[in-house]
Amino acid sequence: MEIASSAAGALVTVLVRPRSRRGLEVVAGRLVIRVNAAPVQGKATEEARRALAAALGVAASAVTLRSGERSKTKVFLIRGVDPDQARARLTSAFQGR
């Protein structure tokens, strides 16, 4: 998983797969978020943002899109969480399945 540091929190890079069965997985070292929504008018991005917030155990308002608005590869800023915490929470979310 690609997780970097920012002055405001952690930057998490994800691959969003629209029109898929919902879920999170790590494929070839990349965090993949599968969403039902189509990639129209930001619906898939919004669903991915909420899924990432839920996996990290933070409010959806703490997760904002930093880059990749029109790309499947997106970078989200998680405010109030450092990269080590983000990695631990995501790892825990995968082990809890």
C-alpha atoms as a PDB file:
ATOM      1  CA  MET A   1       0.000   0.000   0.000  1.00  0.00           C
ATOM      2  CA  GLU A   2       1.241   3.440  -0.866  1.00  0.00           C
ATOM      3  CA  ILE A   3       0.821   5.725   2.125  1.00  0.00           C
ATOM      4  CA  ALA A   4       2.770   8.973   2.438  1.00  0.00           C
ATOM      5  CA  SER A   5       3.010  11.738   4.984  1.00  0.00           C
ATOM      6  CA  SER A   6       1.497  15.197   4.721  1.00  0.00           C
ATOM      7  CA  ALA A   7       1.474  18.088   7.162  1.00  0.00           C
ATOM      8  CA  ALA A   8      -2.282  17.551   7.576  1.00  0.00           C
ATOM      9  CA  GLY A   9      -2.262  13.747   7.851  1.00  0.00           C
ATOM     10  CA  ALA A  10      -1.724  10.702   5.654  1.00  0.00           C
ATOM     11  CA  LEU A  11      -1.911  10.521   1.869  1.00  0.00           C
ATOM     12  CA  VAL A  12      -3.316   7.187   0.715  1.00  0.00           C
ATOM     13  CA  THR A  13      -3.087   6.189  -2.947  1.00  0.00           C
ATOM     14  CA  VAL A  14      -5.846   3.869  -4.143  1.00  0.00           C
ATOM     15  CA  LEU A  15      -7.082   2.318  -7.362  1.00  0.00           C
ATOM     16  CA  VAL A  16     -10.855   2.650  -7.726  1.00  0.00           C
ATOM     17  CA  ARG A  17     -12.723  -0.017  -9.670  1.00  0.00           C
ATOM     18  CA  PRO A  18     -16.188   1.318 -10.543  1.00  0.00           C
ATOM     19  CA  ARG A  19     -19.157  -0.904 -11.407  1.00  0.00           C
ATOM     20  CA  SER A  20     -17.839  -3.711  -9.234  1.00  0.00           C
ATOM     21  CA  ARG A  21     -18.962  -5.600  -6.180  1.00  0.00           C
ATOM     22  CA  ARG A  22     -18.091  -3.467  -3.141  1.00  0.00           C
ATOM     23  CA  GLY A  23     -14.915  -4.274  -1.266  1.00  0.00           C
ATOM     24  CA  LEU A  24     -11.310  -3.473  -0.490  1.00  0.00           C
ATOM     25  CA  GLU A  25      -8.275  -5.543  -1.368  1.00  0.00           C
ATOM     26  CA  VAL A  26      -4.565  -5.255  -1.906  1.00  0.00           C
ATOM     27  CA  VAL A  27      -3.429  -6.306  -5.386  1.00  0.00           C
ATOM     28  CA  ALA A  28       0.257  -6.242  -6.304  1.00  0.00           C
ATOM     29  CA  GLY A  29       0.926  -3.949  -3.333  1.00  0.00           C
ATOM     30  CA  ARG A  30      -1.795  -1.438  -4.292  1.00  0.00           C
ATOM     31  CA  LEU A  31      -4.942  -0.711  -2.317  1.00  0.00           C
ATOM     32  CA  VAL A  32      -7.947  -1.364  -4.560  1.00  0.00           C
ATOM     33  CA  ILE A  33     -11.417  -0.096  -3.637  1.00  0.00           C
ATOM     34  CA  ARG A  34     -14.243  -1.709  -5.583  1.00  0.00           C
ATOM     35  CA  VAL A  35     -17.467   0.311  -5.753  1.00  0.00           C
ATOM     36  CA  ASN A  36     -20.915  -0.228  -7.295  1.00  0.00           C
ATOM     37  CA  ALA A  37     -21.218   3.308  -8.633  1.00  0.00           C
ATOM     38  CA  ALA A  38     -20.433   4.223 -12.205  1.00  0.00           C
ATOM     39  CA  PRO A  39     -17.644   6.722 -12.857  1.00  0.00           C
ATOM     40  CA  VAL A  40     -20.136   9.485 -13.613  1.00  0.00           C
ATOM     41  CA  GLN A  41     -20.298  12.890 -11.912  1.00  0.00           C
ATOM     42  CA  GLY A  42     -17.908  11.786  -9.152  1.00  0.00           C
ATOM     43  CA  LYS A  43     -20.220   9.056  -7.817  1.00  0.00           C
ATOM     44  CA  ALA A  44     -17.548   6.339  -7.828  1.00  0.00           C
ATOM     45  CA  THR A  45     -15.054   8.692  -6.155  1.00  0.00           C
ATOM     46  CA  GLU A  46     -17.553   9.591  -3.445  1.00  0.00           C
ATOM     47  CA  GLU A  47     -18.343   5.943  -2.758  1.00  0.00           C
ATOM     48  CA  ALA A  48     -14.612   5.147  -2.609  1.00  0.00           C
ATOM     49  CA  ARG A  49     -14.031   8.058  -0.205  1.00  0.00           C
ATOM     50  CA  ARG A  50     -16.713   6.779   2.147  1.00  0.00           C
ATOM     51  CA  ALA A  51     -15.425   3.190   1.934  1.00  0.00           C
ATOM     52  CA  LEU A  52     -11.887   4.331   2.761  1.00  0.00           C
ATOM     53  CA  ALA A  53     -13.162   6.361   5.727  1.00  0.00           C
ATOM     54  CA  ALA A  54     -15.064   3.339   7.043  1.00  0.00           C
ATOM     55  CA  ALA A  55     -12.009   1.074   6.683  1.00  0.00           C
ATOM     56  CA  LEU A  56      -9.867   3.605   8.560  1.00  0.00           C
ATOM     57  CA  GLY A  57     -12.469   4.192  11.254  1.00  0.00           C
ATOM     58  CA  VAL A  58     -12.670   7.938  10.654  1.00  0.00           C
ATOM     59  CA  ALA A  59     -15.500  10.264   9.698  1.00  0.00           C
ATOM     60  CA  ALA A  60     -16.078  10.616   5.972  1.00  0.00           C
ATOM     61  CA  SER A  61     -15.459  14.353   6.384  1.00  0.00           C
ATOM     62  CA  ALA A  62     -11.846  13.574   7.399  1.00  0.00           C
ATOM     63  CA  VAL A  63     -11.156  12.061   3.964  1.00  0.00           C
ATOM     64  CA  THR A  64     -10.707  14.390   0.994  1.00  0.00           C
ATOM     65  CA  LEU A  65      -9.592  13.828  -2.572  1.00  0.00           C
ATOM     66  CA  ARG A  66      -6.171  15.364  -3.276  1.00  0.00           C
ATOM     67  CA  SER A  67      -5.642  14.183  -6.862  1.00  0.00           C
ATOM     68  CA  GLY A  68      -7.092  11.888  -9.494  1.00  0.00           C
ATOM     69  CA  GLU A  69     -10.562  13.348  -9.908  1.00  0.00           C
ATOM     70  CA  ARG A  70     -10.892  11.863 -13.411  1.00  0.00           C
ATOM     71  CA  SER A  71      -8.524   8.916 -12.964  1.00  0.00           C
ATOM     72  CA  LYS A  72      -8.941   5.436 -11.514  1.00  0.00           C
ATOM     73  CA  THR A  73      -5.805   6.094  -9.439  1.00  0.00           C
ATOM     74  CA  LYS A  74      -6.625   8.582  -6.695  1.00  0.00           C
ATOM     75  CA  VAL A  75      -4.835  10.107  -3.720  1.00  0.00           C
ATOM     76  CA  PHE A  76      -6.902  10.811  -0.623  1.00  0.00           C
ATOM     77  CA  LEU A  77      -5.827  12.935   2.341  1.00  0.00           C
ATOM     78  CA  ILE A  78      -6.821  11.462   5.700  1.00  0.00           C
ATOM     79  CA  ARG A  79      -6.773  14.323   8.218  1.00  0.00           C
ATOM     80  CA  GLY A  80      -5.731  13.578  11.780  1.00  0.00           C
ATOM     81  CA  VAL A  81      -4.124  10.216  10.972  1.00  0.00           C
ATOM     82  CA  ASP A  82      -0.413   9.674  10.415  1.00  0.00           C
ATOM     83  CA  PRO A  83       0.862   7.161   7.810  1.00  0.00           C
ATOM     84  CA  ASP A  84       1.740   4.508  10.407  1.00  0.00           C
ATOM     85  CA  GLN A  85      -1.749   4.703  11.919  1.00  0.00           C
ATOM     86  CA  ALA A  86      -3.346   4.528   8.474  1.00  0.00           C
ATOM     87  CA  ARG A  87      -1.309   1.457   7.522  1.00  0.00           C
ATOM     88  CA  ALA A  88      -2.126  -0.258  10.835  1.00  0.00           C
ATOM     89  CA  ARG A  89      -5.849   0.494  10.538  1.00  0.00           C
ATOM     90  CA  LEU A  90      -6.034  -0.731   6.956  1.00  0.00           C
ATOM     91  CA  THR A  91      -4.088  -3.878   7.832  1.00  0.00           C
ATOM     92  CA  SER A  92      -6.469  -4.467  10.729  1.00  0.00           C
ATOM     93  CA  ALA A  93      -9.471  -3.961   8.443  1.00  0.00           C
ATOM     94  CA  PHE A  94      -8.182  -6.679   6.095  1.00  0.00           C
ATOM     95  CA  GLN A  95      -7.435  -9.099   8.935  1.00  0.00           C
ATOM     96  CA  GLY A  96     -10.908  -8.573  10.402  1.00  0.00           C
ATOM     97  CA  ARG A  97     -12.504 -10.171   7.355  1.00  0.00           C
END
